[in-house]
């Protein structure tokens, strides 16, 4: 089998996050792999595989999940709301923000995992105002380039408000996001003083010092050691957070890739780093949202 190299992973990152289109990606991957057949065999290792079994199945009796609709920033939002089946008291709330493929089966699984940790978990579909997350992940990624940033942030703030008002919640709400969702968590912290905790996995950082100064929520920031594109903004972000006297923690997991938490992506997932970051995330949310 052709080994998956850093250059291949970088090409995939350029395709999924920057300006390289699928044709250009396949051409580059073919050159790196040595043949079209080898490139075709490598693509499933790089991409997320929705066919992989969920860690917490949709019909797991330990959780109760439902599809919900609620007022967004300028229209209707939709999401997936999950709670532990045996919950008896009011629970802290957690918004789970998806990657740039929308509210897909993997993020639904992560939302159920969060619920099992003792949270009322809501995964908004930020493509809902545009027709909802499609099953075709390439189409979903393309849709993200058309999003209105102001409306998307308003929808995120509305999601926090919806969860805060849920009768099963304790009134405190945190947010955890991955990739695009990690960047959105950072922006949510900037724009919502009512957010009680924020966890960003390999998310783009806010660039404006004045915006960073508005952050109220304590931050937990997870980064992948080999994620040069995102990591380029870490030091500037830390500097502004320090200047503004904000509460934050930064963890860089050495020798792992962007999306190391996504266990549906064979070439990029790193169980050791994912488990360590998850443990830190759950402990942080339990402390800040109690």
C-alpha atoms as a PDB file:
ATOM      1  CA  UNK A   1       0.000   0.000   0.000  1.00  0.00           C
ATOM      2  CA  UNK A   2       1.216   3.513  -0.829  1.00  0.00           C
ATOM      3  CA  UNK A   3       1.867   5.336   2.470  1.00  0.00           C
ATOM      4  CA  UNK A   4      -0.062   8.543   3.154  1.00  0.00           C
ATOM      5  CA  UNK A   5       2.522  11.323   3.297  1.00  0.00           C
ATOM      6  CA  UNK A   6       2.415  14.797   4.806  1.00  0.00           C
ATOM      7  CA  UNK A   7       2.376  16.261   1.279  1.00  0.00           C
ATOM      8  CA  UNK A   8      -0.803  14.286   0.518  1.00  0.00           C
ATOM      9  CA  UNK A   9      -2.453  15.470   3.722  1.00  0.00           C
ATOM     10  CA  UNK A  10      -1.437  19.052   2.930  1.00  0.00           C
ATOM     11  CA  UNK A  11      -2.952  18.720  -0.545  1.00  0.00           C
ATOM     12  CA  UNK A  12      -6.193  17.453   0.973  1.00  0.00           C
ATOM     13  CA  UNK A  13      -6.221  20.379   3.410  1.00  0.00           C
ATOM     14  CA  UNK A  14      -5.709  22.792   0.499  1.00  0.00           C
ATOM     15  CA  UNK A  15      -8.635  21.161  -1.303  1.00  0.00           C
ATOM     16  CA  UNK A  16     -11.022  21.117   1.652  1.00  0.00           C
ATOM     17  CA  UNK A  17     -10.153  24.487   3.196  1.00  0.00           C
ATOM     18  CA  UNK A  18      -8.538  26.720   0.591  1.00  0.00           C
ATOM     19  CA  UNK A  19      -8.775  27.248  -3.170  1.00  0.00           C
ATOM     20  CA  UNK A  20      -7.754  23.922  -4.727  1.00  0.00           C
ATOM     21  CA  UNK A  21     -10.685  22.322  -6.594  1.00  0.00           C
ATOM     22  CA  UNK A  22     -11.283  18.576  -6.785  1.00  0.00           C
ATOM     23  CA  UNK A  23      -9.699  18.225 -10.214  1.00  0.00           C
ATOM     24  CA  UNK A  24      -6.585  20.054  -9.087  1.00  0.00           C
ATOM     25  CA  UNK A  25      -6.471  17.986  -5.897  1.00  0.00           C
ATOM     26  CA  UNK A  26      -6.664  14.698  -7.798  1.00  0.00           C
ATOM     27  CA  UNK A  27      -3.973  15.837 -10.222  1.00  0.00           C
ATOM     28  CA  UNK A  28      -1.673  16.752  -7.341  1.00  0.00           C
ATOM     29  CA  UNK A  29      -2.466  13.555  -5.452  1.00  0.00           C
ATOM     30  CA  UNK A  30      -1.834  11.449  -8.561  1.00  0.00           C
ATOM     31  CA  UNK A  31       1.634  12.952  -8.920  1.00  0.00           C
ATOM     32  CA  UNK A  32       2.372  12.348  -5.242  1.00  0.00           C
ATOM     33  CA  UNK A  33       1.037   8.775  -5.295  1.00  0.00           C
ATOM     34  CA  UNK A  34       2.582   7.801  -8.624  1.00  0.00           C
ATOM     35  CA  UNK A  35      -0.601   6.788 -10.424  1.00  0.00           C
ATOM     36  CA  UNK A  36      -4.309   7.487 -10.675  1.00  0.00           C
ATOM     37  CA  UNK A  37      -5.112   4.097  -9.182  1.00  0.00           C
ATOM     38  CA  UNK A  38      -2.922   4.762  -6.151  1.00  0.00           C
ATOM     39  CA  UNK A  39      -4.471   8.223  -5.712  1.00  0.00           C
ATOM     40  CA  UNK A  40      -7.974   6.725  -5.850  1.00  0.00           C
ATOM     41  CA  UNK A  41      -7.014   4.262  -3.120  1.00  0.00           C
ATOM     42  CA  UNK A  42      -5.619   7.019  -0.895  1.00  0.00           C
ATOM     43  CA  UNK A  43      -8.603   9.394  -1.081  1.00  0.00           C
ATOM     44  CA  UNK A  44     -10.813   7.320   1.272  1.00  0.00           C
ATOM     45  CA  UNK A  45      -8.017   7.349   3.859  1.00  0.00           C
ATOM     46  CA  UNK A  46      -7.866  11.144   3.783  1.00  0.00           C
ATOM     47  CA  UNK A  47     -11.593  11.829   3.619  1.00  0.00           C
ATOM     48  CA  UNK A  48     -14.098  11.323   6.405  1.00  0.00           C
ATOM     49  CA  UNK A  49     -15.948   8.045   6.024  1.00  0.00           C
ATOM     50  CA  UNK A  50     -19.575   8.312   7.081  1.00  0.00           C
ATOM     51  CA  UNK A  51     -19.905   4.531   6.857  1.00  0.00           C
ATOM     52  CA  UNK A  52     -17.729   4.018   9.932  1.00  0.00           C
ATOM     53  CA  UNK A  53     -19.704   2.842  12.917  1.00  0.00           C
ATOM     54  CA  UNK A  54     -20.798   5.488  15.393  1.00  0.00           C
ATOM     55  CA  UNK A  55     -19.260   5.419  18.859  1.00  0.00           C
ATOM     56  CA  UNK A  56     -22.730   6.058  20.291  1.00  0.00           C
ATOM     57  CA  UNK A  57     -25.382   4.676  17.952  1.00  0.00           C
ATOM     58  CA  UNK A  58     -28.418   6.758  17.071  1.00  0.00           C
ATOM     59  CA  UNK A  59     -30.687   4.214  18.777  1.00  0.00           C
ATOM     60  CA  UNK A  60     -28.506   3.863  21.879  1.00  0.00           C
ATOM     61  CA  UNK A  61     -30.908   3.582  24.816  1.00  0.00           C
ATOM     62  CA  UNK A  62     -28.625   5.704  27.008  1.00  0.00           C
ATOM     63  CA  UNK A  63     -29.535   8.879  25.100  1.00  0.00           C
ATOM     64  CA  UNK A  64     -32.638  10.619  23.801  1.00  0.00           C
ATOM     65  CA  UNK A  65     -32.214  12.613  20.602  1.00  0.00           C
ATOM     66  CA  UNK A  66     -34.662  14.715  18.638  1.00  0.00           C
ATOM     67  CA  UNK A  67     -34.732  17.055  15.682  1.00  0.00           C
ATOM     68  CA  UNK A  68     -35.614  20.598  16.752  1.00  0.00           C
ATOM     69  CA  UNK A  69     -36.443  23.907  15.105  1.00  0.00           C
ATOM     70  CA  UNK A  70     -35.981  27.280  16.755  1.00  0.00           C
ATOM     71  CA  UNK A  71     -35.653  30.986  15.885  1.00  0.00           C
ATOM     72  CA  UNK A  72     -32.307  31.852  14.316  1.00  0.00           C
ATOM     73  CA  UNK A  73     -30.764  35.259  13.779  1.00  0.00           C
ATOM     74  CA  UNK A  74     -33.019  35.996  10.794  1.00  0.00           C
ATOM     75  CA  UNK A  75     -35.158  32.934  10.179  1.00  0.00           C
ATOM     76  CA  UNK A  76     -35.614  29.361  11.291  1.00  0.00           C
ATOM     77  CA  UNK A  77     -32.731  27.245  12.540  1.00  0.00           C
ATOM     78  CA  UNK A  78     -32.715  23.472  12.861  1.00  0.00           C
ATOM     79  CA  UNK A  79     -30.612  21.197  15.002  1.00  0.00           C
ATOM     80  CA  UNK A  80     -30.156  17.903  16.789  1.00  0.00           C
ATOM     81  CA  UNK A  81     -30.845  17.993  20.543  1.00  0.00           C
ATOM     82  CA  UNK A  82     -29.642  15.118  22.737  1.00  0.00           C
ATOM     83  CA  UNK A  83     -29.821  14.420  26.465  1.00  0.00           C
ATOM     84  CA  UNK A  84     -28.913  11.457  28.679  1.00  0.00           C
ATOM     85  CA  UNK A  85     -31.903   9.121  28.946  1.00  0.00           C
ATOM     86  CA  UNK A  86     -31.535   8.805  32.699  1.00  0.00           C
ATOM     87  CA  UNK A  87     -31.205  12.528  33.446  1.00  0.00           C
ATOM     88  CA  UNK A  88     -33.264  13.587  36.444  1.00  0.00           C
ATOM     89  CA  UNK A  89     -32.135  17.161  37.147  1.00  0.00           C
ATOM     90  CA  UNK A  90     -31.318  20.189  35.057  1.00  0.00           C
ATOM     91  CA  UNK A  91     -28.242  19.785  32.880  1.00  0.00           C
ATOM     92  CA  UNK A  92     -25.550  22.178  31.669  1.00  0.00           C
ATOM     93  CA  UNK A  93     -25.894  22.884  27.950  1.00  0.00           C
ATOM     94  CA  UNK A  94     -23.303  22.457  25.207  1.00  0.00           C
ATOM     95  CA  UNK A  95     -23.536  23.681  21.622  1.00  0.00           C
ATOM     96  CA  UNK A  96     -21.660  21.330  19.260  1.00  0.00           C
ATOM     97  CA  UNK A  97     -20.528  23.136  16.099  1.00  0.00           C
ATOM     98  CA  UNK A  98     -19.797  21.068  13.023  1.00  0.00           C
ATOM     99  CA  UNK A  99     -16.926  21.151  10.534  1.00  0.00           C
ATOM    100  CA  UNK A 100     -17.244  22.557   7.021  1.00  0.00           C
ATOM    101  CA  UNK A 101     -19.273  19.532   5.950  1.00  0.00           C
ATOM    102  CA  UNK A 102     -22.325  20.499   7.961  1.00  0.00           C
ATOM    103  CA  UNK A 103     -24.390  18.508  10.435  1.00  0.00           C
ATOM    104  CA  UNK A 104     -23.328  15.062   9.273  1.00  0.00           C
ATOM    105  CA  UNK A 105     -23.503  11.631  10.985  1.00  0.00           C
ATOM    106  CA  UNK A 106     -20.111  12.096  12.653  1.00  0.00           C
ATOM    107  CA  UNK A 107     -21.099  15.350  14.378  1.00  0.00           C
ATOM    108  CA  UNK A 108     -24.399  13.792  15.432  1.00  0.00           C
ATOM    109  CA  UNK A 109     -22.339  10.991  16.990  1.00  0.00           C
ATOM    110  CA  UNK A 110     -20.100  13.518  18.780  1.00  0.00           C
ATOM    111  CA  UNK A 111     -23.232  15.247  20.083  1.00  0.00           C
ATOM    112  CA  UNK A 112     -24.455  11.972  21.574  1.00  0.00           C
ATOM    113  CA  UNK A 113     -21.013  11.455  23.137  1.00  0.00           C
ATOM    114  CA  UNK A 114     -21.267  14.891  24.761  1.00  0.00           C
ATOM    115  CA  UNK A 115     -24.745  14.086  26.062  1.00  0.00           C
ATOM    116  CA  UNK A 116     -23.464  10.873  27.660  1.00  0.00           C
ATOM    117  CA  UNK A 117     -20.984  12.970  29.638  1.00  0.00           C
ATOM    118  CA  UNK A 118     -23.956  14.565  31.417  1.00  0.00           C
ATOM    119  CA  UNK A 119     -24.844  17.489  29.153  1.00  0.00           C
ATOM    120  CA  UNK A 120     -27.852  18.753  27.241  1.00  0.00           C
ATOM    121  CA  UNK A 121     -26.226  18.885  23.797  1.00  0.00           C
ATOM    122  CA  UNK A 122     -27.416  20.820  20.742  1.00  0.00           C
ATOM    123  CA  UNK A 123     -25.816  20.503  17.309  1.00  0.00           C
ATOM    124  CA  UNK A 124     -27.134  23.325  15.114  1.00  0.00           C
ATOM    125  CA  UNK A 125     -27.193  22.901  11.344  1.00  0.00           C
ATOM    126  CA  UNK A 126     -25.674  26.143  10.086  1.00  0.00           C
ATOM    127  CA  UNK A 127     -26.717  25.200   6.558  1.00  0.00           C
ATOM    128  CA  UNK A 128     -30.385  25.033   7.629  1.00  0.00           C
ATOM    129  CA  UNK A 129     -31.169  28.554   6.335  1.00  0.00           C
ATOM    130  CA  UNK A 130     -29.818  27.431   2.949  1.00  0.00           C
ATOM    131  CA  UNK A 131     -31.778  24.197   2.655  1.00  0.00           C
ATOM    132  CA  UNK A 132     -29.956  22.056   5.197  1.00  0.00           C
ATOM    133  CA  UNK A 133     -26.845  19.881   5.109  1.00  0.00           C
ATOM    134  CA  UNK A 134     -26.760  17.772   1.920  1.00  0.00           C
ATOM    135  CA  UNK A 135     -25.536  14.179   1.933  1.00  0.00           C
ATOM    136  CA  UNK A 136     -22.888  15.057  -0.685  1.00  0.00           C
ATOM    137  CA  UNK A 137     -19.962  16.392   1.358  1.00  0.00           C
ATOM    138  CA  UNK A 138     -18.378  18.188  -1.615  1.00  0.00           C
ATOM    139  CA  UNK A 139     -21.638  20.054  -2.124  1.00  0.00           C
ATOM    140  CA  UNK A 140     -21.801  20.830   1.592  1.00  0.00           C
ATOM    141  CA  UNK A 141     -18.272  22.269   1.545  1.00  0.00           C
ATOM    142  CA  UNK A 142     -19.144  24.413  -1.457  1.00  0.00           C
ATOM    143  CA  UNK A 143     -22.132  25.824   0.408  1.00  0.00           C
ATOM    144  CA  UNK A 144     -19.914  27.187   3.165  1.00  0.00           C
ATOM    145  CA  UNK A 145     -18.330  29.658   0.757  1.00  0.00           C
ATOM    146  CA  UNK A 146     -21.778  31.227   0.258  1.00  0.00           C
ATOM    147  CA  UNK A 147     -22.634  31.734   3.938  1.00  0.00           C
ATOM    148  CA  UNK A 148     -23.267  35.251   5.194  1.00  0.00           C
ATOM    149  CA  UNK A 149     -20.807  35.532   8.134  1.00  0.00           C
ATOM    150  CA  UNK A 150     -22.968  38.005  10.039  1.00  0.00           C
ATOM    151  CA  UNK A 151     -26.045  35.816   9.716  1.00  0.00           C
ATOM    152  CA  UNK A 152     -24.101  32.703  10.696  1.00  0.00           C
ATOM    153  CA  UNK A 153     -22.812  34.363  13.865  1.00  0.00           C
ATOM    154  CA  UNK A 154     -26.323  35.578  14.648  1.00  0.00           C
ATOM    155  CA  UNK A 155     -27.574  32.008  14.239  1.00  0.00           C
ATOM    156  CA  UNK A 156     -24.873  30.807  16.644  1.00  0.00           C
ATOM    157  CA  UNK A 157     -25.873  33.399  19.245  1.00  0.00           C
ATOM    158  CA  UNK A 158     -29.528  32.398  18.783  1.00  0.00           C
ATOM    159  CA  UNK A 159     -28.551  28.753  19.333  1.00  0.00           C
ATOM    160  CA  UNK A 160     -27.019  29.639  22.692  1.00  0.00           C
ATOM    161  CA  UNK A 161     -30.144  31.567  23.670  1.00  0.00           C
ATOM    162  CA  UNK A 162     -32.372  28.639  22.654  1.00  0.00           C
ATOM    163  CA  UNK A 163     -30.377  26.172  24.743  1.00  0.00           C
ATOM    164  CA  UNK A 164     -30.172  28.535  27.722  1.00  0.00           C
ATOM    165  CA  UNK A 165     -33.965  28.756  27.793  1.00  0.00           C
ATOM    166  CA  UNK A 166     -34.525  24.993  27.527  1.00  0.00           C
ATOM    167  CA  UNK A 167     -36.449  23.760  30.552  1.00  0.00           C
ATOM    168  CA  UNK A 168     -34.094  20.800  30.894  1.00  0.00           C
ATOM    169  CA  UNK A 169     -31.040  23.039  31.165  1.00  0.00           C
ATOM    170  CA  UNK A 170     -29.424  24.708  34.165  1.00  0.00           C
ATOM    171  CA  UNK A 171     -29.110  28.062  32.358  1.00  0.00           C
ATOM    172  CA  UNK A 172     -25.413  27.731  31.544  1.00  0.00           C
ATOM    173  CA  UNK A 173     -24.209  26.984  28.022  1.00  0.00           C
ATOM    174  CA  UNK A 174     -20.801  26.261  26.564  1.00  0.00           C
ATOM    175  CA  UNK A 175     -19.746  25.549  22.997  1.00  0.00           C
ATOM    176  CA  UNK A 176     -17.348  23.095  21.395  1.00  0.00           C
ATOM    177  CA  UNK A 177     -16.456  23.182  17.715  1.00  0.00           C
ATOM    178  CA  UNK A 178     -14.203  21.418  15.258  1.00  0.00           C
ATOM    179  CA  UNK A 179     -12.319  22.877  12.276  1.00  0.00           C
ATOM    180  CA  UNK A 180     -14.774  25.439  10.783  1.00  0.00           C
ATOM    181  CA  UNK A 181     -16.739  24.965  13.987  1.00  0.00           C
ATOM    182  CA  UNK A 182     -13.650  25.702  16.061  1.00  0.00           C
ATOM    183  CA  UNK A 183     -13.300  29.035  14.303  1.00  0.00           C
ATOM    184  CA  UNK A 184     -17.010  29.654  14.837  1.00  0.00           C
ATOM    185  CA  UNK A 185     -16.623  28.957  18.571  1.00  0.00           C
ATOM    186  CA  UNK A 186     -13.941  31.651  18.714  1.00  0.00           C
ATOM    187  CA  UNK A 187     -16.249  34.078  16.914  1.00  0.00           C
ATOM    188  CA  UNK A 188     -19.183  33.107  19.124  1.00  0.00           C
ATOM    189  CA  UNK A 189     -17.066  33.931  22.176  1.00  0.00           C
ATOM    190  CA  UNK A 190     -16.358  37.339  20.644  1.00  0.00           C
ATOM    191  CA  UNK A 191     -20.019  38.021  19.865  1.00  0.00           C
ATOM    192  CA  UNK A 192     -21.950  36.491  22.756  1.00  0.00           C
ATOM    193  CA  UNK A 193     -21.222  37.708  26.291  1.00  0.00           C
ATOM    194  CA  UNK A 194     -23.729  35.116  27.552  1.00  0.00           C
ATOM    195  CA  UNK A 195     -21.560  32.178  26.470  1.00  0.00           C
ATOM    196  CA  UNK A 196     -20.196  30.484  29.591  1.00  0.00           C
ATOM    197  CA  UNK A 197     -17.360  28.368  28.144  1.00  0.00           C
ATOM    198  CA  UNK A 198     -15.733  27.856  24.740  1.00  0.00           C
ATOM    199  CA  UNK A 199     -13.724  24.924  23.380  1.00  0.00           C
ATOM    200  CA  UNK A 200     -12.167  25.232  19.918  1.00  0.00           C
ATOM    201  CA  UNK A 201     -10.511  22.317  18.154  1.00  0.00           C
ATOM    202  CA  UNK A 202      -8.050  23.505  15.484  1.00  0.00           C
ATOM    203  CA  UNK A 203     -10.153  26.581  14.795  1.00  0.00           C
ATOM    204  CA  UNK A 204      -9.187  29.811  13.068  1.00  0.00           C
ATOM    205  CA  UNK A 205      -8.502  32.645  15.465  1.00  0.00           C
ATOM    206  CA  UNK A 206     -10.144  36.097  15.523  1.00  0.00           C
ATOM    207  CA  UNK A 207      -7.724  38.652  14.090  1.00  0.00           C
ATOM    208  CA  UNK A 208      -9.128  41.882  15.521  1.00  0.00           C
ATOM    209  CA  UNK A 209      -7.710  42.885  18.916  1.00  0.00           C
ATOM    210  CA  UNK A 210     -10.820  44.913  19.741  1.00  0.00           C
ATOM    211  CA  UNK A 211     -12.986  41.890  19.064  1.00  0.00           C
ATOM    212  CA  UNK A 212     -10.820  39.615  21.209  1.00  0.00           C
ATOM    213  CA  UNK A 213     -11.122  42.087  24.068  1.00  0.00           C
ATOM    214  CA  UNK A 214     -14.900  41.473  24.079  1.00  0.00           C
ATOM    215  CA  UNK A 215     -14.545  37.782  24.959  1.00  0.00           C
ATOM    216  CA  UNK A 216     -16.136  36.879  28.306  1.00  0.00           C
ATOM    217  CA  UNK A 217     -16.095  33.071  28.240  1.00  0.00           C
ATOM    218  CA  UNK A 218     -13.080  31.081  29.415  1.00  0.00           C
ATOM    219  CA  UNK A 219     -11.392  29.376  26.459  1.00  0.00           C
ATOM    220  CA  UNK A 220      -9.911  25.916  25.917  1.00  0.00           C
ATOM    221  CA  UNK A 221      -7.979  25.800  22.631  1.00  0.00           C
ATOM    222  CA  UNK A 222      -6.790  22.532  21.066  1.00  0.00           C
ATOM    223  CA  UNK A 223      -4.333  22.561  18.146  1.00  0.00           C
ATOM    224  CA  UNK A 224      -2.607  19.912  16.040  1.00  0.00           C
ATOM    225  CA  UNK A 225       1.178  20.080  15.894  1.00  0.00           C
ATOM    226  CA  UNK A 226       1.297  19.565  12.118  1.00  0.00           C
ATOM    227  CA  UNK A 227      -1.452  22.050  11.313  1.00  0.00           C
ATOM    228  CA  UNK A 228       0.723  24.890  10.023  1.00  0.00           C
ATOM    229  CA  UNK A 229      -2.147  26.806   8.402  1.00  0.00           C
ATOM    230  CA  UNK A 230      -4.155  27.192  11.616  1.00  0.00           C
ATOM    231  CA  UNK A 231      -1.190  27.284  13.987  1.00  0.00           C
ATOM    232  CA  UNK A 232       0.177  30.380  12.269  1.00  0.00           C
ATOM    233  CA  UNK A 233      -2.365  32.406  14.249  1.00  0.00           C
ATOM    234  CA  UNK A 234      -1.763  30.961  17.725  1.00  0.00           C
ATOM    235  CA  UNK A 235       0.889  33.363  19.042  1.00  0.00           C
ATOM    236  CA  UNK A 236      -0.949  36.497  17.927  1.00  0.00           C
ATOM    237  CA  UNK A 237      -4.151  35.205  19.516  1.00  0.00           C
ATOM    238  CA  UNK A 238      -2.379  34.389  22.784  1.00  0.00           C
ATOM    239  CA  UNK A 239      -0.775  37.833  22.825  1.00  0.00           C
ATOM    240  CA  UNK A 240      -4.114  39.624  22.505  1.00  0.00           C
ATOM    241  CA  UNK A 241      -5.772  37.347  25.051  1.00  0.00           C
ATOM    242  CA  UNK A 242      -2.957  38.137  27.487  1.00  0.00           C
ATOM    243  CA  UNK A 243      -3.208  41.872  26.846  1.00  0.00           C
ATOM    244  CA  UNK A 244      -6.960  41.718  27.483  1.00  0.00           C
ATOM    245  CA  UNK A 245      -6.518  39.578  30.611  1.00  0.00           C
ATOM    246  CA  UNK A 246      -8.666  36.712  29.347  1.00  0.00           C
ATOM    247  CA  UNK A 247      -8.875  33.225  30.839  1.00  0.00           C
ATOM    248  CA  UNK A 248      -7.624  30.618  28.403  1.00  0.00           C
ATOM    249  CA  UNK A 249      -5.679  27.382  28.014  1.00  0.00           C
ATOM    250  CA  UNK A 250      -3.813  26.287  24.880  1.00  0.00           C
ATOM    251  CA  UNK A 251      -2.784  22.716  24.124  1.00  0.00           C
ATOM    252  CA  UNK A 252      -0.769  21.770  21.048  1.00  0.00           C
ATOM    253  CA  UNK A 253      -0.708  18.027  20.376  1.00  0.00           C
ATOM    254  CA  UNK A 254       2.628  17.298  18.748  1.00  0.00           C
ATOM    255  CA  UNK A 255       3.011  15.247  15.596  1.00  0.00           C
ATOM    256  CA  UNK A 256      -0.728  15.031  14.841  1.00  0.00           C
ATOM    257  CA  UNK A 257      -2.813  16.390  11.983  1.00  0.00           C
ATOM    258  CA  UNK A 258      -5.630  18.881  11.649  1.00  0.00           C
ATOM    259  CA  UNK A 259      -8.869  16.967  12.384  1.00  0.00           C
ATOM    260  CA  UNK A 260      -7.064  14.578  14.734  1.00  0.00           C
ATOM    261  CA  UNK A 261     -10.304  14.189  16.714  1.00  0.00           C
ATOM    262  CA  UNK A 262     -12.309  12.931  13.719  1.00  0.00           C
ATOM    263  CA  UNK A 263     -12.307   9.152  14.015  1.00  0.00           C
ATOM    264  CA  UNK A 264     -13.978   8.760  10.625  1.00  0.00           C
ATOM    265  CA  UNK A 265     -10.808  10.035   8.884  1.00  0.00           C
ATOM    266  CA  UNK A 266      -8.296   7.183   9.022  1.00  0.00           C
ATOM    267  CA  UNK A 267      -5.183   9.078   7.906  1.00  0.00           C
ATOM    268  CA  UNK A 268      -5.654  12.051  10.229  1.00  0.00           C
ATOM    269  CA  UNK A 269      -7.281  10.616  13.362  1.00  0.00           C
ATOM    270  CA  UNK A 270      -4.996  10.162  16.351  1.00  0.00           C
ATOM    271  CA  UNK A 271      -6.610   8.246  19.198  1.00  0.00           C
ATOM    272  CA  UNK A 272      -4.097   9.225  21.870  1.00  0.00           C
ATOM    273  CA  UNK A 273      -4.414  12.953  21.166  1.00  0.00           C
ATOM    274  CA  UNK A 274      -8.184  12.702  20.677  1.00  0.00           C
ATOM    275  CA  UNK A 275      -8.697  10.925  23.995  1.00  0.00           C
ATOM    276  CA  UNK A 276      -6.473  13.391  25.847  1.00  0.00           C
ATOM    277  CA  UNK A 277      -8.205  16.414  24.320  1.00  0.00           C
ATOM    278  CA  UNK A 278     -11.644  14.908  24.968  1.00  0.00           C
ATOM    279  CA  UNK A 279     -10.870  14.313  28.627  1.00  0.00           C
ATOM    280  CA  UNK A 280      -9.679  17.888  28.982  1.00  0.00           C
ATOM    281  CA  UNK A 281     -12.757  19.158  27.150  1.00  0.00           C
ATOM    282  CA  UNK A 282     -15.251  17.294  29.332  1.00  0.00           C
ATOM    283  CA  UNK A 283     -13.502  18.311  32.560  1.00  0.00           C
ATOM    284  CA  UNK A 284     -13.360  21.953  31.439  1.00  0.00           C
ATOM    285  CA  UNK A 285     -17.054  22.053  30.480  1.00  0.00           C
ATOM    286  CA  UNK A 286     -18.130  20.374  33.714  1.00  0.00           C
ATOM    287  CA  UNK A 287     -16.114  22.866  35.755  1.00  0.00           C
ATOM    288  CA  UNK A 288     -17.284  25.981  33.924  1.00  0.00           C
ATOM    289  CA  UNK A 289     -20.942  25.012  33.463  1.00  0.00           C
ATOM    290  CA  UNK A 290     -21.737  23.583  36.894  1.00  0.00           C
END
